[in-house]
Amino acid sequence: MQSHKQTNLIVISAPHRFDLRANSCVNKEVSVYNNKSRKLLKPCDNARILEVDSQRESFTRHGLHMNKNGKERMAKKQH
């Protein structure tokens, strides 16, 4: 980010995995990653984090991928 100060950056948070248990090691690591990303990007004026919708109904039945409605909501989000 230091080398791209003239460029606006949008970083998308990692999504919760609904195909796994809420307390799975993967979902814990997703939370750690997202927290570290927020902390790292906080002082950067040219970077914003776009938070992935964490509502279950935004994902397919198996819970891994976003469904059509979830993708549309993400596309309409503003930082």
PDB file of N, CA and C in Angstrom:
ATOM      1  N   MET A   1       0.816  -1.184   0.000  1.00  0.00           N
ATOM      2  CA  MET A   1       0.000   0.000   0.000  1.00  0.00           C
ATOM      3  C   MET A   1       0.864   1.253   0.000  1.00  0.00           C
ATOM      4  N   GLN A   2       2.043   1.137   0.591  1.00  0.00           N
ATOM      5  CA  GLN A   2       2.944   2.289   0.619  1.00  0.00           C
ATOM      6  C   GLN A   2       3.363   2.703  -0.783  1.00  0.00           C
ATOM      7  N   SER A   3       3.503   1.728  -1.675  1.00  0.00           N
ATOM      8  CA  SER A   3       3.936   2.048  -3.038  1.00  0.00           C
ATOM      9  C   SER A   3       2.775   2.473  -3.938  1.00  0.00           C
ATOM     10  N   HIS A   4       1.551   2.432  -3.431  1.00  0.00           N
ATOM     11  CA  HIS A   4       0.364   2.790  -4.219  1.00  0.00           C
ATOM     12  C   HIS A   4      -0.431   3.906  -3.556  1.00  0.00           C
ATOM     13  N   LYS A   5       0.243   4.900  -3.026  1.00  0.00           N
ATOM     14  CA  LYS A   5      -0.441   5.970  -2.296  1.00  0.00           C
ATOM     15  C   LYS A   5      -1.360   6.801  -3.181  1.00  0.00           C
ATOM     16  N   GLN A   6      -1.144   6.795  -4.483  1.00  0.00           N
ATOM     17  CA  GLN A   6      -1.971   7.569  -5.399  1.00  0.00           C
ATOM     18  C   GLN A   6      -3.146   6.753  -5.932  1.00  0.00           C
ATOM     19  N   THR A   7      -3.272   5.519  -5.477  1.00  0.00           N
ATOM     20  CA  THR A   7      -4.325   4.630  -5.950  1.00  0.00           C
ATOM     21  C   THR A   7      -5.276   4.301  -4.805  1.00  0.00           C
ATOM     22  N   ASN A   8      -6.557   4.398  -5.050  1.00  0.00           N
ATOM     23  CA  ASN A   8      -7.547   3.991  -4.057  1.00  0.00           C
ATOM     24  C   ASN A   8      -7.671   2.481  -4.081  1.00  0.00           C
ATOM     25  N   LEU A   9      -7.611   1.875  -2.902  1.00  0.00           N
ATOM     26  CA  LEU A   9      -7.680   0.421  -2.786  1.00  0.00           C
ATOM     27  C   LEU A   9      -8.936   0.005  -2.034  1.00  0.00           C
ATOM     28  N   ILE A  10      -9.574  -1.028  -2.534  1.00  0.00           N
ATOM     29  CA  ILE A  10     -10.721  -1.616  -1.842  1.00  0.00           C
ATOM     30  C   ILE A  10     -10.357  -3.063  -1.548  1.00  0.00           C
ATOM     31  N   VAL A  11     -10.370  -3.399  -0.266  1.00  0.00           N
ATOM     32  CA  VAL A  11     -10.041  -4.748   0.177  1.00  0.00           C
ATOM     33  C   VAL A  11     -11.328  -5.389   0.674  1.00  0.00           C
ATOM     34  N   ILE A  12     -11.607  -6.589   0.218  1.00  0.00           N
ATOM     35  CA  ILE A  12     -12.822  -7.296   0.632  1.00  0.00           C
ATOM     36  C   ILE A  12     -12.475  -8.243   1.763  1.00  0.00           C
ATOM     37  N   SER A  13     -13.244  -8.202   2.824  1.00  0.00           N
ATOM     38  CA  SER A  13     -12.999  -9.084   3.963  1.00  0.00           C
ATOM     39  C   SER A  13     -13.258 -10.537   3.561  1.00  0.00           C
ATOM     40  N   ALA A  14     -12.660 -11.435   4.310  1.00  0.00           N
ATOM     41  CA  ALA A  14     -12.874 -12.865   4.073  1.00  0.00           C
ATOM     42  C   ALA A  14     -14.242 -13.250   4.629  1.00  0.00           C
ATOM     43  N   PRO A  15     -15.003 -14.048   3.896  1.00  0.00           N
ATOM     44  CA  PRO A  15     -16.345 -14.415   4.370  1.00  0.00           C
ATOM     45  C   PRO A  15     -16.329 -15.544   5.392  1.00  0.00           C
ATOM     46  N   HIS A  16     -17.301 -15.530   6.274  1.00  0.00           N
ATOM     47  CA  HIS A  16     -17.536 -16.622   7.217  1.00  0.00           C
ATOM     48  C   HIS A  16     -17.917 -17.861   6.413  1.00  0.00           C
ATOM     49  N   ARG A  17     -17.471 -19.020   6.842  1.00  0.00           N
ATOM     50  CA  ARG A  17     -17.800 -20.269   6.142  1.00  0.00           C
ATOM     51  C   ARG A  17     -19.010 -20.919   6.810  1.00  0.00           C
ATOM     52  N   PHE A  18     -20.150 -20.867   6.144  1.00  0.00           N
ATOM     53  CA  PHE A  18     -21.367 -21.454   6.695  1.00  0.00           C
ATOM     54  C   PHE A  18     -21.441 -22.956   6.475  1.00  0.00           C
ATOM     55  N   ASP A  19     -20.507 -23.513   5.681  1.00  0.00           N
ATOM     56  CA  ASP A  19     -20.477 -24.956   5.497  1.00  0.00           C
ATOM     57  C   ASP A  19     -19.708 -25.637   6.627  1.00  0.00           C
ATOM     58  N   LEU A  20     -19.143 -24.847   7.546  1.00  0.00           N
ATOM     59  CA  LEU A  20     -18.404 -25.367   8.696  1.00  0.00           C
ATOM     60  C   LEU A  20     -19.075 -24.887   9.981  1.00  0.00           C
ATOM     61  N   ARG A  21     -18.708 -25.513  11.089  1.00  0.00           N
ATOM     62  CA  ARG A  21     -19.233 -25.072  12.375  1.00  0.00           C
ATOM     63  C   ARG A  21     -18.755 -23.651  12.666  1.00  0.00           C
ATOM     64  N   ALA A  22     -19.543 -22.911  13.398  1.00  0.00           N
ATOM     65  CA  ALA A  22     -19.190 -21.522  13.718  1.00  0.00           C
ATOM     66  C   ALA A  22     -17.875 -21.440  14.478  1.00  0.00           C
ATOM     67  N   ASN A  23     -17.587 -22.451  15.298  1.00  0.00           N
ATOM     68  CA  ASN A  23     -16.361 -22.432  16.094  1.00  0.00           C
ATOM     69  C   ASN A  23     -15.228 -23.248  15.455  1.00  0.00           C
ATOM     70  N   SER A  24     -15.334 -23.526  14.157  1.00  0.00           N
ATOM     71  CA  SER A  24     -14.280 -24.289  13.476  1.00  0.00           C
ATOM     72  C   SER A  24     -12.992 -23.471  13.421  1.00  0.00           C
ATOM     73  N   CYS A  25     -11.867 -24.156  13.265  1.00  0.00           N
ATOM     74  CA  CYS A  25     -10.582 -23.455  13.208  1.00  0.00           C
ATOM     75  C   CYS A  25     -10.512 -22.533  11.989  1.00  0.00           C
ATOM     76  N   VAL A  26     -11.173 -22.893  10.906  1.00  0.00           N
ATOM     77  CA  VAL A  26     -11.173 -22.048   9.707  1.00  0.00           C
ATOM     78  C   VAL A  26     -11.907 -20.736   9.993  1.00  0.00           C
ATOM     79  N   ASN A  27     -13.071 -20.811  10.602  1.00  0.00           N
ATOM     80  CA  ASN A  27     -13.827 -19.591  10.906  1.00  0.00           C
ATOM     81  C   ASN A  27     -13.113 -18.731  11.943  1.00  0.00           C
ATOM     82  N   LYS A  28     -12.401 -19.356  12.852  1.00  0.00           N
ATOM     83  CA  LYS A  28     -11.602 -18.582  13.808  1.00  0.00           C
ATOM     84  C   LYS A  28     -10.491 -17.842  13.078  1.00  0.00           C
ATOM     85  N   GLU A  29      -9.845 -18.503  12.122  1.00  0.00           N
ATOM     86  CA  GLU A  29      -8.780 -17.864  11.352  1.00  0.00           C
ATOM     87  C   GLU A  29      -9.317 -16.758  10.445  1.00  0.00           C
ATOM     88  N   VAL A  30     -10.536 -16.932   9.938  1.00  0.00           N
ATOM     89  CA  VAL A  30     -11.180 -15.881   9.139  1.00  0.00           C
ATOM     90  C   VAL A  30     -11.337 -14.629  10.001  1.00  0.00           C
ATOM     91  N   SER A  31     -11.783 -14.795  11.230  1.00  0.00           N
ATOM     92  CA  SER A  31     -11.938 -13.659  12.144  1.00  0.00           C
ATOM     93  C   SER A  31     -10.601 -12.998  12.444  1.00  0.00           C
ATOM     94  N   VAL A  32      -9.579 -13.806  12.693  1.00  0.00           N
ATOM     95  CA  VAL A  32      -8.241 -13.263  12.968  1.00  0.00           C
ATOM     96  C   VAL A  32      -7.742 -12.477  11.759  1.00  0.00           C
ATOM     97  N   TYR A  33      -7.893 -13.051  10.573  1.00  0.00           N
ATOM     98  CA  TYR A  33      -7.450 -12.391   9.345  1.00  0.00           C
ATOM     99  C   TYR A  33      -8.169 -11.050   9.143  1.00  0.00           C
ATOM    100  N   ASN A  34      -9.480 -11.049   9.309  1.00  0.00           N
ATOM    101  CA  ASN A  34     -10.254  -9.822   9.111  1.00  0.00           C
ATOM    102  C   ASN A  34      -9.870  -8.748  10.131  1.00  0.00           C
ATOM    103  N   ASN A  35      -9.651  -9.153  11.373  1.00  0.00           N
ATOM    104  CA  ASN A  35      -9.238  -8.193  12.398  1.00  0.00           C
ATOM    105  C   ASN A  35      -7.868  -7.601  12.086  1.00  0.00           C
ATOM    106  N   LYS A  36      -6.934  -8.447  11.656  1.00  0.00           N
ATOM    107  CA  LYS A  36      -5.597  -7.958  11.299  1.00  0.00           C
ATOM    108  C   LYS A  36      -5.661  -7.028  10.095  1.00  0.00           C
ATOM    109  N   SER A  37      -6.502  -7.354   9.127  1.00  0.00           N
ATOM    110  CA  SER A  37      -6.649  -6.506   7.940  1.00  0.00           C
ATOM    111  C   SER A  37      -7.185  -5.134   8.320  1.00  0.00           C
ATOM    112  N   ARG A  38      -8.209  -5.102   9.167  1.00  0.00           N
ATOM    113  CA  ARG A  38      -8.775  -3.825   9.610  1.00  0.00           C
ATOM    114  C   ARG A  38      -7.716  -2.982  10.316  1.00  0.00           C
ATOM    115  N   LYS A  39      -6.971  -3.620  11.206  1.00  0.00           N
ATOM    116  CA  LYS A  39      -5.942  -2.911  11.959  1.00  0.00           C
ATOM    117  C   LYS A  39      -4.842  -2.376  11.038  1.00  0.00           C
ATOM    118  N   LEU A  40      -4.443  -3.187  10.063  1.00  0.00           N
ATOM    119  CA  LEU A  40      -3.384  -2.798   9.136  1.00  0.00           C
ATOM    120  C   LEU A  40      -3.814  -1.651   8.222  1.00  0.00           C
ATOM    121  N   LEU A  41      -5.079  -1.664   7.798  1.00  0.00           N
ATOM    122  CA  LEU A  41      -5.568  -0.666   6.858  1.00  0.00           C
ATOM    123  C   LEU A  41      -6.078   0.612   7.512  1.00  0.00           C
ATOM    124  N   LYS A  42      -6.280   0.593   8.806  1.00  0.00           N
ATOM    125  CA  LYS A  42      -6.844   1.753   9.498  1.00  0.00           C
ATOM    126  C   LYS A  42      -6.066   3.053   9.236  1.00  0.00           C
ATOM    127  N   PRO A  43      -4.737   3.047   9.291  1.00  0.00           N
ATOM    128  CA  PRO A  43      -4.016   4.303   9.054  1.00  0.00           C
ATOM    129  C   PRO A  43      -3.896   4.709   7.581  1.00  0.00           C
ATOM    130  N   CYS A  44      -4.336   3.874   6.673  1.00  0.00           N
ATOM    131  CA  CYS A  44      -4.192   4.149   5.238  1.00  0.00           C
ATOM    132  C   CYS A  44      -5.396   4.937   4.726  1.00  0.00           C
ATOM    133  N   ASP A  45      -5.145   6.147   4.285  1.00  0.00           N
ATOM    134  CA  ASP A  45      -6.229   6.989   3.789  1.00  0.00           C
ATOM    135  C   ASP A  45      -6.777   6.531   2.440  1.00  0.00           C
ATOM    136  N   ASN A  46      -5.972   5.809   1.682  1.00  0.00           N
ATOM    137  CA  ASN A  46      -6.371   5.405   0.339  1.00  0.00           C
ATOM    138  C   ASN A  46      -6.945   3.990   0.283  1.00  0.00           C
ATOM    139  N   ALA A  47      -7.149   3.343   1.437  1.00  0.00           N
ATOM    140  CA  ALA A  47      -7.649   1.968   1.448  1.00  0.00           C
ATOM    141  C   ALA A  47      -8.920   1.867   2.282  1.00  0.00           C
ATOM    142  N   ARG A  48      -9.858   1.094   1.794  1.00  0.00           N
ATOM    143  CA  ARG A  48     -11.114   0.840   2.493  1.00  0.00           C
ATOM    144  C   ARG A  48     -11.373  -0.660   2.493  1.00  0.00           C
ATOM    145  N   ILE A  49     -12.056  -1.117   3.538  1.00  0.00           N
ATOM    146  CA  ILE A  49     -12.447  -2.525   3.604  1.00  0.00           C
ATOM    147  C   ILE A  49     -13.929  -2.626   3.303  1.00  0.00           C
ATOM    148  N   LEU A  50     -14.261  -3.491   2.373  1.00  0.00           N
ATOM    149  CA  LEU A  50     -15.651  -3.789   2.050  1.00  0.00           C
ATOM    150  C   LEU A  50     -15.991  -5.078   2.790  1.00  0.00           C
ATOM    151  N   GLU A  51     -16.854  -4.984   3.768  1.00  0.00           N
ATOM    152  CA  GLU A  51     -17.207  -6.139   4.590  1.00  0.00           C
ATOM    153  C   GLU A  51     -18.166  -7.060   3.840  1.00  0.00           C
ATOM    154  N   VAL A  52     -17.826  -8.339   3.816  1.00  0.00           N
ATOM    155  CA  VAL A  52     -18.689  -9.344   3.192  1.00  0.00           C
ATOM    156  C   VAL A  52     -19.930  -9.511   4.054  1.00  0.00           C
ATOM    157  N   ASP A  53     -21.068  -9.605   3.419  1.00  0.00           N
ATOM    158  CA  ASP A  53     -22.336  -9.821   4.120  1.00  0.00           C
ATOM    159  C   ASP A  53     -22.247 -11.139   4.889  1.00  0.00           C
ATOM    160  N   SER A  54     -22.506 -11.092   6.182  1.00  0.00           N
ATOM    161  CA  SER A  54     -22.366 -12.296   6.989  1.00  0.00           C
ATOM    162  C   SER A  54     -23.711 -12.921   7.359  1.00  0.00           C
ATOM    163  N   GLN A  55     -24.721 -12.627   6.572  1.00  0.00           N
ATOM    164  CA  GLN A  55     -26.034 -13.218   6.826  1.00  0.00           C
ATOM    165  C   GLN A  55     -26.143 -14.542   6.086  1.00  0.00           C
ATOM    166  N   ARG A  56     -26.642 -15.537   6.758  1.00  0.00           N
ATOM    167  CA  ARG A  56     -26.735 -16.884   6.195  1.00  0.00           C
ATOM    168  C   ARG A  56     -27.519 -16.905   4.889  1.00  0.00           C
ATOM    169  N   GLU A  57     -28.558 -16.091   4.785  1.00  0.00           N
ATOM    170  CA  GLU A  57     -29.394 -16.115   3.582  1.00  0.00           C
ATOM    171  C   GLU A  57     -28.697 -15.540   2.355  1.00  0.00           C
ATOM    172  N   SER A  58     -27.498 -14.992   2.525  1.00  0.00           N
ATOM    173  CA  SER A  58     -26.729 -14.482   1.384  1.00  0.00           C
ATOM    174  C   SER A  58     -25.886 -15.569   0.724  1.00  0.00           C
ATOM    175  N   PHE A  59     -25.942 -16.777   1.282  1.00  0.00           N
ATOM    176  CA  PHE A  59     -25.117 -17.874   0.790  1.00  0.00           C
ATOM    177  C   PHE A  59     -25.966 -19.030   0.279  1.00  0.00           C
ATOM    178  N   THR A  60     -25.352 -19.858  -0.559  1.00  0.00           N
ATOM    179  CA  THR A  60     -26.052 -21.017  -1.113  1.00  0.00           C
ATOM    180  C   THR A  60     -26.401 -22.012  -0.009  1.00  0.00           C
ATOM    181  N   ARG A  61     -27.178 -23.012  -0.347  1.00  0.00           N
ATOM    182  CA  ARG A  61     -27.601 -24.002   0.642  1.00  0.00           C
ATOM    183  C   ARG A  61     -26.436 -24.669   1.346  1.00  0.00           C
ATOM    184  N   HIS A  62     -25.376 -24.985   0.585  1.00  0.00           N
ATOM    185  CA  HIS A  62     -24.239 -25.662   1.227  1.00  0.00           C
ATOM    186  C   HIS A  62     -23.401 -24.700   2.056  1.00  0.00           C
ATOM    187  N   GLY A  63     -23.558 -23.381   1.866  1.00  0.00           N
ATOM    188  CA  GLY A  63     -22.953 -22.402   2.741  1.00  0.00           C
ATOM    189  C   GLY A  63     -21.574 -21.906   2.380  1.00  0.00           C
ATOM    190  N   LEU A  64     -21.001 -22.376   1.278  1.00  0.00           N
ATOM    191  CA  LEU A  64     -19.648 -21.959   0.923  1.00  0.00           C
ATOM    192  C   LEU A  64     -19.639 -20.728   0.021  1.00  0.00           C
ATOM    193  N   HIS A  65     -20.533 -20.692  -0.962  1.00  0.00           N
ATOM    194  CA  HIS A  65     -20.538 -19.604  -1.947  1.00  0.00           C
ATOM    195  C   HIS A  65     -21.709 -18.657  -1.726  1.00  0.00           C
ATOM    196  N   MET A  66     -21.528 -17.422  -2.164  1.00  0.00           N
ATOM    197  CA  MET A  66     -22.627 -16.463  -2.087  1.00  0.00           C
ATOM    198  C   MET A  66     -23.651 -16.790  -3.172  1.00  0.00           C
ATOM    199  N   ASN A  67     -24.910 -16.596  -2.855  1.00  0.00           N
ATOM    200  CA  ASN A  67     -25.958 -16.793  -3.855  1.00  0.00           C
ATOM    201  C   ASN A  67     -26.159 -15.490  -4.624  1.00  0.00           C
ATOM    202  N   LYS A  68     -27.103 -15.504  -5.548  1.00  0.00           N
ATOM    203  CA  LYS A  68     -27.344 -14.336  -6.399  1.00  0.00           C
ATOM    204  C   LYS A  68     -27.676 -13.092  -5.576  1.00  0.00           C
ATOM    205  N   ASN A  69     -28.558 -13.240  -4.586  1.00  0.00           N
ATOM    206  CA  ASN A  69     -28.946 -12.093  -3.760  1.00  0.00           C
ATOM    207  C   ASN A  69     -27.764 -11.561  -2.959  1.00  0.00           C
ATOM    208  N   GLY A  70     -26.936 -12.453  -2.441  1.00  0.00           N
ATOM    209  CA  GLY A  70     -25.763 -12.036  -1.686  1.00  0.00           C
ATOM    210  C   GLY A  70     -24.781 -11.266  -2.554  1.00  0.00           C
ATOM    211  N   LYS A  71     -24.590 -11.737  -3.783  1.00  0.00           N
ATOM    212  CA  LYS A  71     -23.688 -11.045  -4.712  1.00  0.00           C
ATOM    213  C   LYS A  71     -24.230  -9.670  -5.084  1.00  0.00           C
ATOM    214  N   GLU A  72     -25.543  -9.580  -5.271  1.00  0.00           N
ATOM    215  CA  GLU A  72     -26.150  -8.287  -5.605  1.00  0.00           C
ATOM    216  C   GLU A  72     -25.998  -7.297  -4.451  1.00  0.00           C
ATOM    217  N   ARG A  73     -26.187  -7.785  -3.207  1.00  0.00           N
ATOM    218  CA  ARG A  73     -26.001  -6.908  -2.048  1.00  0.00           C
ATOM    219  C   ARG A  73     -24.561  -6.410  -1.938  1.00  0.00           C
ATOM    220  N   MET A  74     -23.607  -7.297  -2.211  1.00  0.00           N
ATOM    221  CA  MET A  74     -22.199  -6.906  -2.151  1.00  0.00           C
ATOM    222  C   MET A  74     -21.892  -5.859  -3.224  1.00  0.00           C
ATOM    223  N   ALA A  75     -22.459  -6.041  -4.414  1.00  0.00           N
ATOM    224  CA  ALA A  75     -22.203  -5.103  -5.515  1.00  0.00           C
ATOM    225  C   ALA A  75     -22.767  -3.715  -5.209  1.00  0.00           C
ATOM    226  N   LYS A  76     -23.842  -3.670  -4.426  1.00  0.00           N
ATOM    227  CA  LYS A  76     -24.478  -2.385  -4.118  1.00  0.00           C
ATOM    228  C   LYS A  76     -23.906  -1.694  -2.893  1.00  0.00           C
ATOM    229  N   LYS A  77     -23.045  -2.404  -2.141  1.00  0.00           N
ATOM    230  CA  LYS A  77     -22.457  -1.800  -0.940  1.00  0.00           C
ATOM    231  C   LYS A  77     -21.527  -0.665  -1.308  1.00  0.00           C
ATOM    232  N   GLN A  78     -21.496   0.295  -0.431  1.00  0.00           N
ATOM    233  CA  GLN A  78     -20.562   1.412  -0.589  1.00  0.00           C
ATOM    234  C   GLN A  78     -19.650   1.421   0.619  1.00  0.00           C
ATOM    235  N   HIS A  79     -18.435   1.816   0.403  1.00  0.00           N
ATOM    236  CA  HIS A  79     -17.485   1.867   1.505  1.00  0.00           C
ATOM    237  C   HIS A  79     -17.768   3.098   2.271  1.00  0.00           C
TER     238      HIS A  79
END
